[in-house]
Amino acid sequence: MIDSTTLLEQALSLPENERAKIAARLLESLDENAQRDIDAEWVAEIERRCAAVDAGTLATSDWQDVRARIEREIFGR
């Protein structure tokens, strides 16, 4: 079995994109349960919003109106 210091030295010698992949995967491994909880919350929120749209209780906006408002407010157009 390789020790963590040797493993770290080997990882640090990799190209940047490979180090980024490893770093991302390590971070994901620390919070797998939290990510599952977040995913479940997003599913519940999406279902709530879809139900509100279906029931006609959610105010919606036309994309062209939203885009025009964004351009006015952010881009000053």
C-alpha atoms as a PDB file:
ATOM      1  CA  MET A   1       0.000   0.000   0.000  1.00  0.00           C
ATOM      2  CA  ILE A   2       1.275   3.466  -0.930  1.00  0.00           C
ATOM      3  CA  ASP A   3       1.519   6.066   1.839  1.00  0.00           C
ATOM      4  CA  SER A   4      -0.344   9.362   1.565  1.00  0.00           C
ATOM      5  CA  THR A   5       2.807  11.484   1.224  1.00  0.00           C
ATOM      6  CA  THR A   6       4.009   9.486  -1.774  1.00  0.00           C
ATOM      7  CA  LEU A   7       0.530   9.528  -3.276  1.00  0.00           C
ATOM      8  CA  LEU A   8       0.328  13.306  -2.841  1.00  0.00           C
ATOM      9  CA  GLU A   9       3.736  13.814  -4.462  1.00  0.00           C
ATOM     10  CA  GLN A  10       2.670  11.682  -7.415  1.00  0.00           C
ATOM     11  CA  ALA A  11      -0.620  13.520  -7.740  1.00  0.00           C
ATOM     12  CA  LEU A  12       1.111  16.899  -7.644  1.00  0.00           C
ATOM     13  CA  SER A  13       3.351  15.845 -10.514  1.00  0.00           C
ATOM     14  CA  LEU A  14       0.330  15.304 -12.793  1.00  0.00           C
ATOM     15  CA  PRO A  15      -0.840  17.883 -15.343  1.00  0.00           C
ATOM     16  CA  GLU A  16      -3.212  20.533 -14.024  1.00  0.00           C
ATOM     17  CA  ASN A  17      -6.340  19.068 -15.616  1.00  0.00           C
ATOM     18  CA  GLU A  18      -5.658  15.655 -14.066  1.00  0.00           C
ATOM     19  CA  ARG A  19      -5.026  17.234 -10.644  1.00  0.00           C
ATOM     20  CA  ALA A  20      -8.319  19.115 -10.983  1.00  0.00           C
ATOM     21  CA  LYS A  21     -10.187  15.881 -11.722  1.00  0.00           C
ATOM     22  CA  ILE A  22      -8.663  14.204  -8.678  1.00  0.00           C
ATOM     23  CA  ALA A  23      -9.365  17.212  -6.453  1.00  0.00           C
ATOM     24  CA  ALA A  24     -12.990  17.351  -7.565  1.00  0.00           C
ATOM     25  CA  ARG A  25     -13.485  13.653  -6.934  1.00  0.00           C
ATOM     26  CA  LEU A  26     -11.882  13.866  -3.495  1.00  0.00           C
ATOM     27  CA  LEU A  27     -14.124  16.784  -2.541  1.00  0.00           C
ATOM     28  CA  GLU A  28     -17.174  14.898  -3.780  1.00  0.00           C
ATOM     29  CA  SER A  29     -16.202  11.921  -1.647  1.00  0.00           C
ATOM     30  CA  LEU A  30     -16.247  14.044   1.504  1.00  0.00           C
ATOM     31  CA  ASP A  31     -19.863  15.105   1.107  1.00  0.00           C
ATOM     32  CA  GLU A  32     -21.644  12.279  -0.726  1.00  0.00           C
ATOM     33  CA  ASN A  33     -24.491  12.216   1.811  1.00  0.00           C
ATOM     34  CA  ALA A  34     -24.870  15.984   1.659  1.00  0.00           C
ATOM     35  CA  GLN A  35     -25.047  15.860  -2.139  1.00  0.00           C
ATOM     36  CA  ARG A  36     -27.782  13.241  -1.973  1.00  0.00           C
ATOM     37  CA  ASP A  37     -29.730  15.516   0.371  1.00  0.00           C
ATOM     38  CA  ILE A  38     -29.233  18.473  -1.972  1.00  0.00           C
ATOM     39  CA  ASP A  39     -30.340  16.407  -4.964  1.00  0.00           C
ATOM     40  CA  ALA A  40     -33.469  15.285  -3.098  1.00  0.00           C
ATOM     41  CA  GLU A  41     -34.281  18.889  -2.173  1.00  0.00           C
ATOM     42  CA  TRP A  42     -33.919  19.982  -5.818  1.00  0.00           C
ATOM     43  CA  VAL A  43     -36.226  17.186  -6.951  1.00  0.00           C
ATOM     44  CA  ALA A  44     -38.817  18.283  -4.381  1.00  0.00           C
ATOM     45  CA  GLU A  45     -38.485  21.931  -5.465  1.00  0.00           C
ATOM     46  CA  ILE A  46     -38.850  21.070  -9.149  1.00  0.00           C
ATOM     47  CA  GLU A  47     -41.903  18.954  -8.412  1.00  0.00           C
ATOM     48  CA  ARG A  48     -43.405  21.783  -6.317  1.00  0.00           C
ATOM     49  CA  ARG A  49     -42.848  24.297  -9.116  1.00  0.00           C
ATOM     50  CA  CYS A  50     -44.243  21.974 -11.786  1.00  0.00           C
ATOM     51  CA  ALA A  51     -47.338  21.353  -9.665  1.00  0.00           C
ATOM     52  CA  ALA A  52     -47.790  25.115  -9.186  1.00  0.00           C
ATOM     53  CA  VAL A  53     -47.519  25.704 -12.941  1.00  0.00           C
ATOM     54  CA  ASP A  54     -50.011  22.899 -13.610  1.00  0.00           C
ATOM     55  CA  ALA A  55     -52.399  24.362 -11.017  1.00  0.00           C
ATOM     56  CA  GLY A  56     -52.035  27.834 -12.479  1.00  0.00           C
ATOM     57  CA  THR A  57     -50.846  29.264  -9.152  1.00  0.00           C
ATOM     58  CA  LEU A  58     -47.329  30.179 -10.255  1.00  0.00           C
ATOM     59  CA  ALA A  59     -46.811  33.478 -12.023  1.00  0.00           C
ATOM     60  CA  THR A  60     -44.868  32.961 -15.227  1.00  0.00           C
ATOM     61  CA  SER A  61     -43.246  35.407 -17.606  1.00  0.00           C
ATOM     62  CA  ASP A  62     -42.693  35.430 -21.322  1.00  0.00           C
ATOM     63  CA  TRP A  63     -39.019  34.930 -22.191  1.00  0.00           C
ATOM     64  CA  GLN A  64     -38.918  38.026 -24.392  1.00  0.00           C
ATOM     65  CA  ASP A  65     -40.187  40.163 -21.489  1.00  0.00           C
ATOM     66  CA  VAL A  66     -37.654  38.661 -19.088  1.00  0.00           C
ATOM     67  CA  ARG A  67     -34.817  39.140 -21.561  1.00  0.00           C
ATOM     68  CA  ALA A  68     -35.798  42.777 -22.171  1.00  0.00           C
ATOM     69  CA  ARG A  69     -35.895  43.425 -18.411  1.00  0.00           C
ATOM     70  CA  ILE A  70     -32.453  41.833 -17.954  1.00  0.00           C
ATOM     71  CA  GLU A  71     -31.015  43.916 -20.770  1.00  0.00           C
ATOM     72  CA  ARG A  72     -32.482  47.110 -19.260  1.00  0.00           C
ATOM     73  CA  GLU A  73     -31.438  46.389 -15.677  1.00  0.00           C
ATOM     74  CA  ILE A  74     -28.036  44.856 -16.229  1.00  0.00           C
ATOM     75  CA  PHE A  75     -26.839  46.079 -19.577  1.00  0.00           C
ATOM     76  CA  GLY A  76     -28.632  49.438 -19.675  1.00  0.00           C
ATOM     77  CA  ARG A  77     -30.150  48.720 -23.090  1.00  0.00           C
END
